[in-house]
Amino acid sequence: MTTPYDWISKSLNTIHQANWYRTPKTITSSPGPIVELEGRSLINFASNDYLGLAGHPHLIEAAITATQKYGTGSTGSRLLSGHRDIHRQLELAIANLKQTEDAIVFSSGYLANLGTITALVGQRDLILSDQYNHSSLKNGAKLSNATIIHYNHCDLSDLHHKLQQYRHQYRHCLIITDTIFSMDGDICQVSEVLDLAESMNCMLLVDEAHATGIMGKKGAGCVDYFGCTGRSLIQMGTLSKAIGSLGGYVAGNAVLIDFLRNRSATWIYTTALSPADTAAAIAAIELIQTEPQRRDKLWENVNFLQQKLSHLNILPSQSPIICLECANPSQALELSQKLIIAGIFAPAIRPPTVPTSRIRFSVMATHETAHLQQLINNLVLRNIGNV
């Protein structure tokens, strides 16, 4: 007999056949440049912990202290029983880092994008979205019921053309883009996109998830890096990458943030960030602002690795995300497994996450030269890159 669920196993089998199937890999150690993965000690090139703060004693101590004072959970949404003084302290710390009037903290970056986009635009509005945007931006756009038009990746002329063609047909227009693209490592020209947005009476939301903490003189992100601090735009980011904790945020002017507190469903109807995560994020922002040498070391590592791997089939990158292109999913899986045997953890990234398969290497400030050299030796000297 057939059941209404039979299609699920058939669909799963298709995923297997396409080499798109995935399973979690269990890490049994603290985060860092070396991790224990399923019984093996591996050099970790798979983490978004760019500054190495997720295992920092200062963050751990802050999380423990907050848990002892406030408990393990916030117990409710911010507008009911979930608000604590440290939530507001974190928002003010983010606003200070980003040099905006205010900020609002969500329980994840995904929720921040979904809640913000759906609050800002609706059926009578237009969204122009970079074709390589993160899933959270794309799904926020879909949920908003606005008209969505994708422009070619980081193509300002295509964005300009589509604005001229469609902007006048809609009430509001929201341009959405990552600043550092998570699966390629390239960077959006924020200042030029903002110029276009202003000239065409559009809102601009930039996703600083992979830029917060590492880009710009103060680590505030690509808005800082491109000299756009103080200009009118919406800055979203996460607390789970360079900041080493969990959660998401939106920073901007006070009216925008007050509006989101009253209209963003993923903030209003979600339990507040846990005390431990909140306190750890506050501690991380403090370190980002007082220890710029962490960013210096990160970029030293990035530049060293990019220089040594420049002759391989590396995607253009201006960030700690370095990707080695592969011909197909099978090749990416084979190369990733060879690297594990060689003591290196670097994941195979395959469709549908990305249009083309690749190995994604994430560089951290805590990588030592010996760690980087071992990767270089295995990709270049042992010719592992040519599978």
Protein backbone atom coordinates (compact mmCIF):
# COMPACT_ATOMS: atom_id res chain seq x y z
CA MET A 1 0.00 0.00 0.00
CA THR A 2 1.15 3.52 -0.73
CA THR A 3 1.08 6.31 1.83
CA PRO A 4 1.05 10.10 1.49
CA TYR A 5 4.70 10.07 2.65
CA ASP A 6 6.20 7.74 0.04
CA TRP A 7 7.46 10.64 -2.06
CA ILE A 8 9.84 11.67 0.72
CA SER A 9 12.04 8.56 0.44
CA LYS A 10 12.07 8.91 -3.36
CA SER A 11 13.14 12.52 -3.07
CA LEU A 12 15.85 11.58 -0.56
CA ASN A 13 17.13 8.94 -2.97
CA THR A 14 17.42 11.60 -5.68
CA ILE A 15 19.53 13.71 -3.30
CA HIS A 16 21.82 10.70 -2.75
CA GLN A 17 22.19 10.07 -6.48
CA ALA A 18 23.16 13.69 -7.13
CA ASN A 19 25.85 13.57 -4.39
CA TRP A 20 23.99 16.34 -2.57
CA TYR A 21 23.31 14.26 0.56
CA ARG A 22 24.65 15.67 3.84
CA THR A 23 24.94 14.56 7.45
CA PRO A 24 26.25 16.43 10.51
CA LYS A 25 29.89 15.89 11.53
CA THR A 26 30.36 15.69 15.29
CA ILE A 27 33.07 17.86 16.87
CA THR A 28 33.88 16.72 20.40
CA SER A 29 36.32 19.47 21.41
CA SER A 30 36.27 23.19 22.11
CA PRO A 31 36.31 25.45 19.04
CA GLY A 32 39.70 26.48 17.74
CA PRO A 33 42.30 25.94 15.02
CA ILE A 34 42.55 22.25 16.02
CA VAL A 35 39.38 20.23 16.62
CA GLU A 36 38.50 16.65 17.43
CA LEU A 37 36.22 15.37 14.68
CA GLU A 38 34.88 11.84 14.94
CA GLY A 39 37.99 10.60 16.70
CA ARG A 40 40.53 12.51 14.60
CA SER A 41 42.54 15.60 15.48
CA LEU A 42 42.24 17.95 12.49
CA ILE A 43 43.33 21.45 11.55
CA ASN A 44 40.08 23.35 11.37
CA PHE A 45 39.43 25.29 8.15
CA ALA A 46 35.65 24.91 8.42
CA SER A 47 34.78 27.48 11.10
CA ASN A 48 33.32 30.99 10.88
CA ASP A 49 35.05 31.83 14.19
CA TYR A 50 37.33 34.24 12.33
CA LEU A 51 38.88 35.90 15.40
CA GLY A 52 39.03 32.75 17.52
CA LEU A 53 36.72 34.18 20.17
CA ALA A 54 34.25 31.29 20.56
CA GLY A 55 36.58 29.55 23.00
CA HIS A 56 38.08 32.66 24.59
CA PRO A 57 38.15 32.58 28.43
CA HIS A 58 36.67 36.10 28.62
CA LEU A 59 33.56 35.01 26.71
CA ILE A 60 33.24 31.77 28.66
CA GLU A 61 33.51 33.59 31.98
CA ALA A 62 30.89 36.16 30.90
CA ALA A 63 28.51 33.38 29.83
CA ILE A 64 28.93 31.51 33.13
CA THR A 65 28.41 34.65 35.20
CA ALA A 66 25.25 35.56 33.26
CA THR A 67 23.88 32.02 33.62
CA GLN A 68 24.45 32.09 37.36
CA LYS A 69 22.66 35.44 37.64
CA TYR A 70 19.82 35.04 35.11
CA GLY A 71 19.47 31.27 34.55
CA THR A 72 19.81 29.21 31.39
CA GLY A 73 16.91 30.64 29.41
CA SER A 74 15.17 33.97 28.94
CA THR A 75 11.77 32.23 29.39
CA GLY A 76 9.78 34.39 27.02
CA SER A 77 9.74 36.98 24.26
CA ARG A 78 11.28 40.38 24.88
CA LEU A 79 7.87 42.09 25.09
CA LEU A 80 6.61 39.63 27.72
CA SER A 81 8.92 38.01 30.30
CA GLY A 82 12.12 37.65 28.28
CA HIS A 83 13.76 41.07 28.48
CA ARG A 84 16.88 41.44 30.63
CA ASP A 85 19.12 44.45 31.13
CA ILE A 86 21.98 42.66 29.34
CA HIS A 87 19.88 42.46 26.15
CA ARG A 88 19.79 46.25 26.09
CA GLN A 89 23.49 46.42 26.96
CA LEU A 90 24.23 44.24 23.94
CA GLU A 91 22.10 46.39 21.64
CA LEU A 92 23.87 49.54 22.79
CA ALA A 93 27.25 47.84 22.33
CA ILE A 94 26.31 46.92 18.75
CA ALA A 95 25.10 50.46 18.04
CA ASN A 96 28.37 51.79 19.40
CA LEU A 97 30.42 49.40 17.23
CA LYS A 98 28.37 50.24 14.11
CA GLN A 99 28.06 53.95 15.00
CA THR A 100 24.29 53.93 14.54
CA GLU A 101 21.55 55.45 16.68
CA ASP A 102 20.25 52.10 17.89
CA ALA A 103 20.19 48.34 17.34
CA ILE A 104 17.89 45.39 17.97
CA VAL A 105 18.98 41.83 18.77
CA PHE A 106 17.25 38.75 17.36
CA SER A 107 17.66 35.12 18.42
CA SER A 108 19.45 34.28 15.14
CA GLY A 109 20.68 36.00 12.02
CA TYR A 110 18.16 34.07 9.93
CA LEU A 111 15.33 35.43 12.08
CA ALA A 112 16.75 38.95 11.79
CA ASN A 113 16.57 38.89 8.00
CA LEU A 114 13.15 37.25 7.83
CA GLY A 115 11.66 39.60 10.40
CA THR A 116 13.17 42.79 9.03
CA ILE A 117 12.38 42.25 5.35
CA THR A 118 8.79 41.17 6.00
CA ALA A 119 8.24 44.19 8.25
CA LEU A 120 9.56 46.69 5.70
CA VAL A 121 7.92 45.64 2.42
CA GLY A 122 4.75 43.96 1.19
CA GLN A 123 2.60 43.26 -1.85
CA ARG A 124 2.81 46.78 -3.30
CA ASP A 125 6.60 46.89 -3.07
CA LEU A 126 9.72 45.80 -4.95
CA ILE A 127 12.80 43.91 -3.77
CA LEU A 128 15.99 43.89 -5.82
CA SER A 129 18.22 41.05 -4.63
CA ASP A 130 21.74 39.97 -5.56
CA GLN A 131 21.45 36.53 -7.15
CA TYR A 132 24.04 35.04 -4.74
CA ASN A 133 22.42 36.32 -1.55
CA HIS A 134 22.21 34.14 1.53
CA SER A 135 19.15 31.91 1.96
CA SER A 136 17.84 34.07 4.82
CA LEU A 137 17.70 37.14 2.56
CA LYS A 138 16.04 35.18 -0.24
CA ASN A 139 13.44 33.58 2.02
CA GLY A 140 12.73 36.87 3.78
CA ALA A 141 12.00 38.36 0.37
CA LYS A 142 9.66 35.48 -0.53
CA LEU A 143 7.75 35.75 2.75
CA SER A 144 7.24 39.49 2.30
CA ASN A 145 5.00 38.96 -0.76
CA ALA A 146 6.81 41.82 -2.48
CA THR A 147 7.79 41.51 -6.14
CA ILE A 148 11.32 40.07 -6.28
CA ILE A 149 13.77 40.80 -9.08
CA HIS A 150 17.28 39.39 -8.94
CA TYR A 151 20.19 41.31 -10.38
CA ASN A 152 23.44 39.76 -11.59
CA HIS A 153 25.95 39.09 -8.84
CA CYS A 154 27.68 42.32 -7.74
CA ASP A 155 26.76 43.85 -11.12
CA LEU A 156 26.08 47.54 -10.49
CA SER A 157 25.15 48.25 -14.09
CA ASP A 158 22.53 45.49 -14.05
CA LEU A 159 21.17 46.79 -10.73
CA HIS A 160 20.99 50.32 -12.15
CA HIS A 161 19.25 49.11 -15.30
CA LYS A 162 16.62 47.18 -13.33
CA LEU A 163 16.02 50.10 -11.00
CA GLN A 164 15.38 52.36 -14.00
CA GLN A 165 13.10 49.76 -15.53
CA TYR A 166 10.99 48.79 -12.50
CA ARG A 167 11.38 51.22 -9.58
CA HIS A 168 8.64 53.64 -10.68
CA GLN A 169 6.04 50.85 -10.71
CA TYR A 170 6.15 50.25 -6.95
CA ARG A 171 5.45 52.10 -3.70
CA HIS A 172 8.65 51.16 -1.82
CA CYS A 173 11.81 49.48 -3.06
CA LEU A 174 14.27 47.53 -0.90
CA ILE A 175 17.69 46.50 -2.21
CA ILE A 176 19.15 43.53 -0.31
CA THR A 177 22.69 42.19 -0.49
CA ASP A 178 25.35 40.41 1.48
CA THR A 179 28.49 42.45 2.02
CA ILE A 180 30.85 39.45 2.17
CA PHE A 181 29.32 36.57 0.23
CA SER A 182 29.59 33.48 2.40
CA MET A 183 30.29 30.88 -0.28
CA ASP A 184 32.57 32.90 -2.58
CA GLY A 185 34.33 35.32 -0.25
CA ASP A 186 33.96 38.31 -2.57
CA ILE A 187 32.71 41.72 -1.42
CA CYS A 188 29.84 43.95 -2.45
CA GLN A 189 30.81 47.54 -3.31
CA VAL A 190 28.61 48.95 -0.56
CA SER A 191 29.26 52.65 -1.26
CA GLU A 192 28.27 52.36 -4.92
CA VAL A 193 25.14 50.33 -4.16
CA LEU A 194 24.19 52.92 -1.53
CA ASP A 195 24.70 55.73 -4.06
CA LEU A 196 22.29 53.97 -6.42
CA ALA A 197 19.76 53.38 -3.64
CA GLU A 198 19.79 57.05 -2.66
CA SER A 199 19.48 58.24 -6.26
CA MET A 200 16.43 56.02 -6.87
CA ASN A 201 14.66 56.55 -3.51
CA CYS A 202 15.30 52.99 -2.31
CA MET A 203 15.97 51.44 1.06
CA LEU A 204 19.12 49.33 1.35
CA LEU A 205 19.62 46.36 3.67
CA VAL A 206 23.14 44.94 3.85
CA ASP A 207 23.91 41.59 5.50
CA GLU A 208 27.18 42.00 7.43
CA ALA A 209 27.18 38.45 8.83
CA HIS A 210 30.68 37.57 7.59
CA ALA A 211 32.03 41.14 7.84
CA THR A 212 31.15 42.09 11.41
CA GLY A 213 34.24 42.09 13.59
CA ILE A 214 36.80 41.72 10.78
CA MET A 215 36.25 44.46 8.18
CA GLY A 216 37.08 48.14 8.59
CA LYS A 217 39.49 49.93 10.90
CA LYS A 218 37.24 49.29 13.90
CA GLY A 219 35.91 45.88 12.88
CA ALA A 220 32.44 47.31 12.32
CA GLY A 221 32.02 45.65 8.92
CA CYS A 222 31.99 46.61 5.25
CA VAL A 223 29.93 49.75 5.90
CA ASP A 224 32.90 50.91 7.97
CA TYR A 225 35.40 49.58 5.39
CA PHE A 226 33.80 51.54 2.53
CA GLY A 227 33.45 54.75 4.54
CA CYS A 228 29.65 54.67 4.68
CA THR A 229 29.28 55.00 8.46
CA GLY A 230 26.57 57.54 9.29
CA ARG A 231 24.72 57.20 5.99
CA SER A 232 21.11 55.98 5.88
CA LEU A 233 20.88 52.24 5.42
CA ILE A 234 19.88 49.10 7.33
CA GLN A 235 22.74 47.00 8.71
CA MET A 236 22.03 43.41 9.62
CA GLY A 237 24.56 40.95 11.00
CA THR A 238 25.14 37.93 13.20
CA LEU A 239 26.70 37.29 16.58
CA SER A 240 27.68 33.72 15.67
CA LYS A 241 30.75 34.22 13.47
CA ALA A 242 33.58 36.61 14.41
CA ILE A 243 31.66 37.54 17.57
CA GLY A 244 31.74 33.89 18.64
CA SER A 245 28.29 33.64 20.25
CA LEU A 246 24.74 33.29 18.85
CA GLY A 247 22.07 35.62 17.56
CA GLY A 248 21.48 38.32 14.99
CA TYR A 249 21.07 42.08 14.98
CA VAL A 250 19.83 45.01 12.96
CA ALA A 251 21.45 48.42 13.41
CA GLY A 252 20.18 51.71 12.07
CA ASN A 253 18.38 54.88 13.03
CA ALA A 254 16.18 54.99 16.13
CA VAL A 255 12.90 55.18 14.21
CA LEU A 256 13.73 52.03 12.20
CA ILE A 257 14.64 50.06 15.32
CA ASP A 258 11.51 51.19 17.18
CA PHE A 259 9.43 50.18 14.17
CA LEU A 260 10.98 46.70 14.13
CA ARG A 261 10.23 46.23 17.83
CA ASN A 262 6.59 46.73 16.97
CA ARG A 263 6.32 45.08 13.55
CA SER A 264 8.94 42.33 13.24
CA ALA A 265 7.18 39.02 13.90
CA THR A 266 10.41 37.04 14.37
CA TRP A 267 11.37 39.37 17.23
CA ILE A 268 7.92 39.81 18.79
CA TYR A 269 7.00 36.11 18.81
CA THR A 270 10.39 34.50 19.59
CA THR A 271 11.98 33.78 22.95
CA ALA A 272 14.75 36.25 23.71
CA LEU A 273 18.41 35.33 23.31
CA SER A 274 19.72 33.31 26.25
CA PRO A 275 21.62 35.18 28.99
CA ALA A 276 24.81 33.21 28.26
CA ASP A 277 24.79 34.03 24.54
CA THR A 278 23.99 37.67 25.25
CA ALA A 279 26.80 38.13 27.77
CA ALA A 280 29.31 36.32 25.56
CA ALA A 281 28.48 38.64 22.66
CA ILE A 282 28.98 41.73 24.84
CA ALA A 283 32.37 40.37 25.91
CA ALA A 284 33.35 39.66 22.30
CA ILE A 285 32.49 43.17 21.11
CA GLU A 286 34.65 44.54 23.92
CA LEU A 287 37.60 42.44 22.71
CA ILE A 288 37.02 43.45 19.08
CA GLN A 289 37.24 47.10 20.08
CA THR A 290 40.21 46.79 22.46
CA GLU A 291 42.34 44.14 20.72
CA PRO A 292 42.72 45.15 17.04
CA GLN A 293 45.77 42.90 16.81
CA ARG A 294 43.37 39.97 16.38
CA ARG A 295 42.17 41.44 13.08
CA ASP A 296 45.76 42.17 12.09
CA LYS A 297 46.72 38.54 12.64
CA LEU A 298 43.67 37.31 10.72
CA TRP A 299 44.56 39.40 7.66
CA GLU A 300 48.19 38.35 7.90
CA ASN A 301 47.04 34.72 7.69
CA VAL A 302 44.60 35.44 4.86
CA ASN A 303 47.21 37.24 2.75
CA PHE A 304 49.82 34.52 3.35
CA LEU A 305 47.45 31.74 2.28
CA GLN A 306 46.07 33.57 -0.75
CA GLN A 307 49.58 34.31 -1.99
CA LYS A 308 50.73 30.70 -1.63
CA LEU A 309 47.61 29.28 -3.34
CA SER A 310 47.27 31.92 -6.06
CA HIS A 311 48.19 29.54 -8.88
CA LEU A 312 45.41 27.07 -8.01
CA ASN A 313 41.80 27.29 -9.17
CA ILE A 314 40.87 29.70 -6.36
CA LEU A 315 37.78 31.92 -6.61
CA PRO A 316 38.53 35.66 -6.31
CA SER A 317 38.19 36.61 -2.64
CA GLN A 318 38.77 39.69 -0.51
CA SER A 319 37.93 37.95 2.75
CA PRO A 320 38.95 35.06 5.02
CA ILE A 321 36.78 32.77 2.85
CA ILE A 322 38.93 31.03 0.25
CA CYS A 323 37.31 28.60 -2.18
CA LEU A 324 38.93 26.01 -4.43
CA GLU A 325 36.67 25.25 -7.37
CA CYS A 326 35.84 21.63 -8.27
CA ALA A 327 34.36 20.22 -11.45
CA ASN A 328 31.43 18.47 -9.77
CA PRO A 329 30.06 17.31 -6.39
CA SER A 330 31.91 13.98 -6.56
CA GLN A 331 35.25 15.72 -7.02
CA ALA A 332 34.54 18.06 -4.11
CA LEU A 333 33.65 15.15 -1.83
CA GLU A 334 36.76 13.23 -2.87
CA LEU A 335 39.04 16.21 -2.24
CA SER A 336 37.46 16.91 1.15
CA GLN A 337 38.03 13.29 2.17
CA LYS A 338 41.67 13.42 1.01
CA LEU A 339 42.19 16.49 3.15
CA ILE A 340 40.70 14.76 6.20
CA ILE A 341 43.14 11.87 5.71
CA ALA A 342 45.89 14.51 5.57
CA GLY A 343 44.69 15.99 8.89
CA ILE A 344 42.70 18.95 7.51
CA PHE A 345 38.99 19.67 7.98
CA ALA A 346 37.57 21.66 5.04
CA PRO A 347 34.02 20.96 3.85
CA ALA A 348 32.81 20.20 0.35
CA ILE A 349 30.20 22.79 -0.62
CA ARG A 350 27.83 21.55 -3.30
CA PRO A 351 24.60 22.48 -5.09
CA PRO A 352 21.98 23.55 -4.28
CA THR A 353 23.85 25.68 -1.70
CA VAL A 354 26.12 27.00 -4.47
CA PRO A 355 25.88 26.90 -8.29
CA THR A 356 29.27 25.15 -8.61
CA SER A 357 31.01 22.74 -6.24
CA ARG A 358 34.02 23.85 -4.23
CA ILE A 359 36.11 23.28 -1.10
CA ARG A 360 35.63 26.20 1.29
CA PHE A 361 38.52 27.18 3.56
CA SER A 362 37.82 29.62 6.42
CA VAL A 363 40.90 31.31 7.82
CA MET A 364 41.12 32.27 11.51
CA ALA A 365 43.33 34.61 13.49
CA THR A 366 44.27 31.66 15.70
CA HIS A 367 45.72 29.61 12.85
CA GLU A 368 49.47 29.30 13.27
CA THR A 369 51.86 29.46 10.32
CA ALA A 370 52.40 25.71 10.67
CA HIS A 371 48.66 25.11 10.21
CA LEU A 372 48.60 27.19 7.04
CA GLN A 373 51.76 25.55 5.75
CA GLN A 374 50.28 22.08 6.24
CA LEU A 375 47.32 23.06 4.07
CA ILE A 376 49.65 24.51 1.43
CA ASN A 377 51.83 21.40 1.47
CA ASN A 378 48.88 19.11 0.92
CA LEU A 379 47.24 21.19 -1.80
CA VAL A 380 50.40 22.12 -3.67
CA LEU A 381 53.33 19.86 -2.86
CA ARG A 382 51.28 16.68 -2.67
CA ASN A 383 49.09 17.78 -5.57
CA ILE A 384 45.87 16.96 -3.67
CA GLY A 385 44.11 19.82 -5.48
CA ASN A 386 44.18 17.84 -8.73
CA VAL A 387 41.83 14.97 -7.98
